Amino acid sequence: MIELKDISLIPIKTQVDVDLLYPTVEQIWQSYFPKIIGQEQVDYMLTHYQSSEIILKEIKEGRIYYLLHQEAQNIGYIAYDVCLDSLYLSKLYLVEKVRGRGYLSTILAYLEQIAIKLGKSALYLNVNKDNAKTIQIYQHLGFNIVKKTKQPLGPYFLDDYQMIKYLKNPKSLA
């Protein structure tokens, strides 16, 4: 377990861990994303993009997942991949009641530290084009939109902006 301020990051590695994580995944997706992508696409994505089976498969393929925990409650989750020159933040989701408390900044600072320790020069992520508030938050935290992406997912599309934050990495300056 990793402690950041008053948040614990609990590693998710096994089916038992995924079973602990999954109610938080469902809660976040059902409360936040229907207004952005619609209920039908949320239901599809919970089955074909963020199901327990998909999460466990991603973990086995090397994606790193953490459940975010605070004061005996699960408050969100993150997942990332270590890439050649960067860290790809695949997921960073918080339950509604803890948004706006600075946890996003704390978690991103932690991920930047990981990236720098690994000699990476950037963090990048994808965010839905219609998720304007989140885009603004990421821009405020130093991310820039670098391109539009549109990936098919069954009968739907992941219609996103790719955003990147370049890091001042002492290892990459040597």
Protein backbone atom coordinates (compact mmCIF):
# COMPACT_ATOMS: atom_id res chain seq x y z
CA MET A 1 0.00 0.00 0.00
CA ILE A 2 1.17 3.53 -0.80
CA GLU A 3 0.17 6.53 1.32
CA LEU A 4 -0.32 9.97 -0.27
CA LYS A 5 -1.55 12.68 2.06
CA ASP A 6 -4.75 11.09 3.36
CA ILE A 7 -5.24 8.70 0.42
CA SER A 8 -4.10 5.08 0.36
CA LEU A 9 -3.28 3.45 -2.96
CA ILE A 10 -4.08 -0.24 -2.74
CA PRO A 11 -2.45 -2.35 -5.48
CA ILE A 12 -4.89 -4.39 -7.55
CA LYS A 13 -3.24 -7.62 -8.71
CA THR A 14 -5.57 -10.60 -8.23
CA GLN A 15 -9.20 -11.52 -8.88
CA VAL A 16 -9.93 -10.92 -5.18
CA ASP A 17 -8.46 -7.41 -5.54
CA VAL A 18 -10.51 -6.76 -8.70
CA ASP A 19 -13.64 -7.89 -6.84
CA LEU A 20 -12.82 -5.27 -4.18
CA LEU A 21 -12.27 -2.61 -6.87
CA TYR A 22 -15.24 -3.31 -9.13
CA PRO A 23 -18.09 -1.74 -7.10
CA THR A 24 -16.14 1.54 -7.20
CA VAL A 25 -15.71 1.22 -10.98
CA GLU A 26 -19.46 0.74 -11.42
CA GLN A 27 -20.34 3.56 -9.03
CA ILE A 28 -18.12 6.06 -10.85
CA TRP A 29 -19.15 5.05 -14.36
CA GLN A 30 -22.88 4.99 -13.54
CA SER A 31 -22.84 8.33 -11.71
CA TYR A 32 -20.61 10.36 -14.02
CA PHE A 33 -20.54 9.15 -17.60
CA PRO A 34 -24.21 8.78 -18.68
CA LYS A 35 -24.48 12.58 -19.04
CA ILE A 36 -21.38 12.59 -21.29
CA ILE A 37 -21.72 9.44 -23.42
CA GLY A 38 -25.21 8.15 -22.61
CA GLN A 39 -26.43 5.22 -20.51
CA GLU A 40 -26.30 2.68 -23.34
CA GLN A 41 -22.61 3.35 -24.02
CA VAL A 42 -21.83 3.29 -20.27
CA ASP A 43 -23.48 -0.13 -19.97
CA TYR A 44 -21.56 -1.37 -23.01
CA MET A 45 -18.27 -0.05 -21.67
CA LEU A 46 -18.80 -1.64 -18.25
CA THR A 47 -19.20 -4.96 -20.05
CA HIS A 48 -16.57 -4.64 -22.80
CA TYR A 49 -14.05 -2.05 -21.54
CA GLN A 50 -14.12 -2.02 -17.73
CA SER A 51 -15.50 -5.40 -16.70
CA SER A 52 -13.77 -7.42 -13.98
CA GLU A 53 -12.47 -9.79 -16.66
CA ILE A 54 -11.03 -6.96 -18.78
CA ILE A 55 -9.38 -5.34 -15.75
CA LEU A 56 -7.77 -8.63 -14.71
CA LYS A 57 -6.60 -9.24 -18.31
CA GLU A 58 -5.05 -5.74 -18.42
CA ILE A 59 -3.25 -6.38 -15.12
CA LYS A 60 -1.85 -9.66 -16.45
CA GLU A 61 -0.63 -7.75 -19.54
CA GLY A 62 1.24 -5.24 -17.35
CA ARG A 63 -1.17 -2.38 -16.64
CA ILE A 64 -0.83 -1.16 -13.06
CA TYR A 65 -4.07 -0.59 -11.14
CA TYR A 66 -4.64 0.98 -7.72
CA LEU A 67 -7.80 1.38 -5.70
CA LEU A 68 -7.91 4.78 -3.98
CA HIS A 69 -9.02 4.51 -0.38
CA GLN A 70 -9.68 7.09 2.31
CA GLU A 71 -11.23 6.91 5.77
CA ALA A 72 -12.56 3.36 5.31
CA GLN A 73 -14.11 4.20 1.93
CA ASN A 74 -13.10 3.53 -1.66
CA ILE A 75 -12.91 6.89 -3.42
CA GLY A 76 -11.63 6.04 -6.90
CA TYR A 77 -9.07 4.20 -8.94
CA ILE A 78 -6.14 4.71 -11.28
CA ALA A 79 -4.45 2.59 -13.92
CA TYR A 80 -1.32 3.31 -15.91
CA ASP A 81 1.16 1.78 -18.34
CA VAL A 82 4.89 2.32 -18.42
CA CYS A 83 5.74 3.09 -22.06
CA LEU A 84 9.03 3.61 -23.87
CA ASP A 85 9.39 7.36 -23.20
CA SER A 86 6.35 8.12 -21.08
CA LEU A 87 3.76 7.01 -18.56
CA TYR A 88 0.28 6.52 -20.03
CA LEU A 89 -2.46 7.31 -17.54
CA SER A 90 -5.21 4.97 -18.69
CA LYS A 91 -7.64 5.70 -15.86
CA LEU A 92 -7.96 8.24 -13.09
CA TYR A 93 -11.45 8.36 -11.66
CA LEU A 94 -12.78 9.72 -8.36
CA VAL A 95 -16.20 9.35 -6.76
CA GLU A 96 -18.22 12.53 -6.91
CA LYS A 97 -18.11 13.39 -3.19
CA VAL A 98 -14.30 13.78 -3.17
CA ARG A 99 -13.87 15.73 -6.41
CA GLY A 100 -12.53 19.24 -6.03
CA ARG A 101 -10.42 18.47 -2.94
CA GLY A 102 -7.03 18.45 -4.68
CA TYR A 103 -6.68 14.67 -4.89
CA LEU A 104 -6.20 14.77 -8.65
CA SER A 105 -3.17 17.04 -8.20
CA THR A 106 -1.77 14.78 -5.48
CA ILE A 107 -2.18 11.64 -7.60
CA LEU A 108 -0.71 13.28 -10.70
CA ALA A 109 2.28 14.51 -8.68
CA TYR A 110 2.84 10.94 -7.50
CA LEU A 111 2.63 9.62 -11.08
CA GLU A 112 5.08 12.31 -12.22
CA GLN A 113 7.52 11.11 -9.55
CA ILE A 114 7.19 7.55 -10.82
CA ALA A 115 7.74 8.68 -14.41
CA ILE A 116 10.83 10.69 -13.45
CA LYS A 117 12.29 7.80 -11.43
CA LEU A 118 11.81 5.58 -14.50
CA GLY A 119 13.51 8.17 -16.75
CA LYS A 120 10.33 9.06 -18.68
CA SER A 121 9.85 12.48 -20.23
CA ALA A 122 6.05 12.80 -20.18
CA LEU A 123 2.68 11.76 -18.83
CA TYR A 124 -0.12 11.36 -21.31
CA LEU A 125 -3.79 10.45 -21.23
CA ASN A 126 -6.97 10.48 -23.24
CA VAL A 127 -10.10 12.36 -22.19
CA ASN A 128 -13.52 12.42 -23.84
CA LYS A 129 -13.94 15.55 -25.98
CA ASP A 130 -17.25 16.32 -24.28
CA ASN A 131 -15.75 16.18 -20.78
CA ALA A 132 -15.03 19.93 -20.75
CA LYS A 133 -14.56 20.35 -16.99
CA THR A 134 -11.98 17.55 -16.82
CA ILE A 135 -10.15 18.92 -19.87
CA GLN A 136 -9.91 22.33 -18.15
CA ILE A 137 -8.58 20.73 -14.96
CA TYR A 138 -5.89 18.82 -16.85
CA GLN A 139 -4.92 21.98 -18.73
CA HIS A 140 -4.65 23.84 -15.43
CA LEU A 141 -2.32 21.07 -14.21
CA GLY A 142 0.03 21.49 -17.18
CA PHE A 143 -1.39 19.11 -19.80
CA ASN A 144 -1.87 20.21 -23.40
CA ILE A 145 -4.09 18.76 -26.08
CA VAL A 146 -1.85 17.26 -28.75
CA LYS A 147 -4.34 15.46 -30.97
CA LYS A 148 -7.86 14.19 -31.46
CA THR A 149 -8.42 10.44 -31.42
CA LYS A 150 -11.43 8.36 -32.38
CA GLN A 151 -11.17 4.68 -31.50
CA PRO A 152 -13.96 2.21 -32.29
CA LEU A 153 -15.35 0.24 -29.36
CA GLY A 154 -18.03 -2.11 -30.59
CA PRO A 155 -20.89 0.02 -31.95
CA TYR A 156 -19.46 3.15 -30.26
CA PHE A 157 -16.38 5.34 -30.49
CA LEU A 158 -13.99 6.64 -27.87
CA ASP A 159 -13.98 10.22 -29.15
CA ASP A 160 -11.12 11.77 -27.20
CA TYR A 161 -8.40 14.33 -26.96
CA GLN A 162 -4.94 13.02 -26.23
CA MET A 163 -3.29 15.27 -23.67
CA ILE A 164 0.35 15.33 -22.63
CA LYS A 165 2.43 16.89 -19.89
CA TYR A 166 6.16 17.06 -20.48
CA LEU A 167 8.27 16.51 -17.38
CA LYS A 168 11.47 18.16 -16.31
CA ASN A 169 13.32 14.93 -15.90
CA PRO A 170 16.90 15.14 -14.65
CA LYS A 171 17.59 11.64 -16.02
CA SER A 172 16.56 12.68 -19.54
CA LEU A 173 18.84 15.75 -19.42
CA ALA A 174 22.02 13.78 -18.69
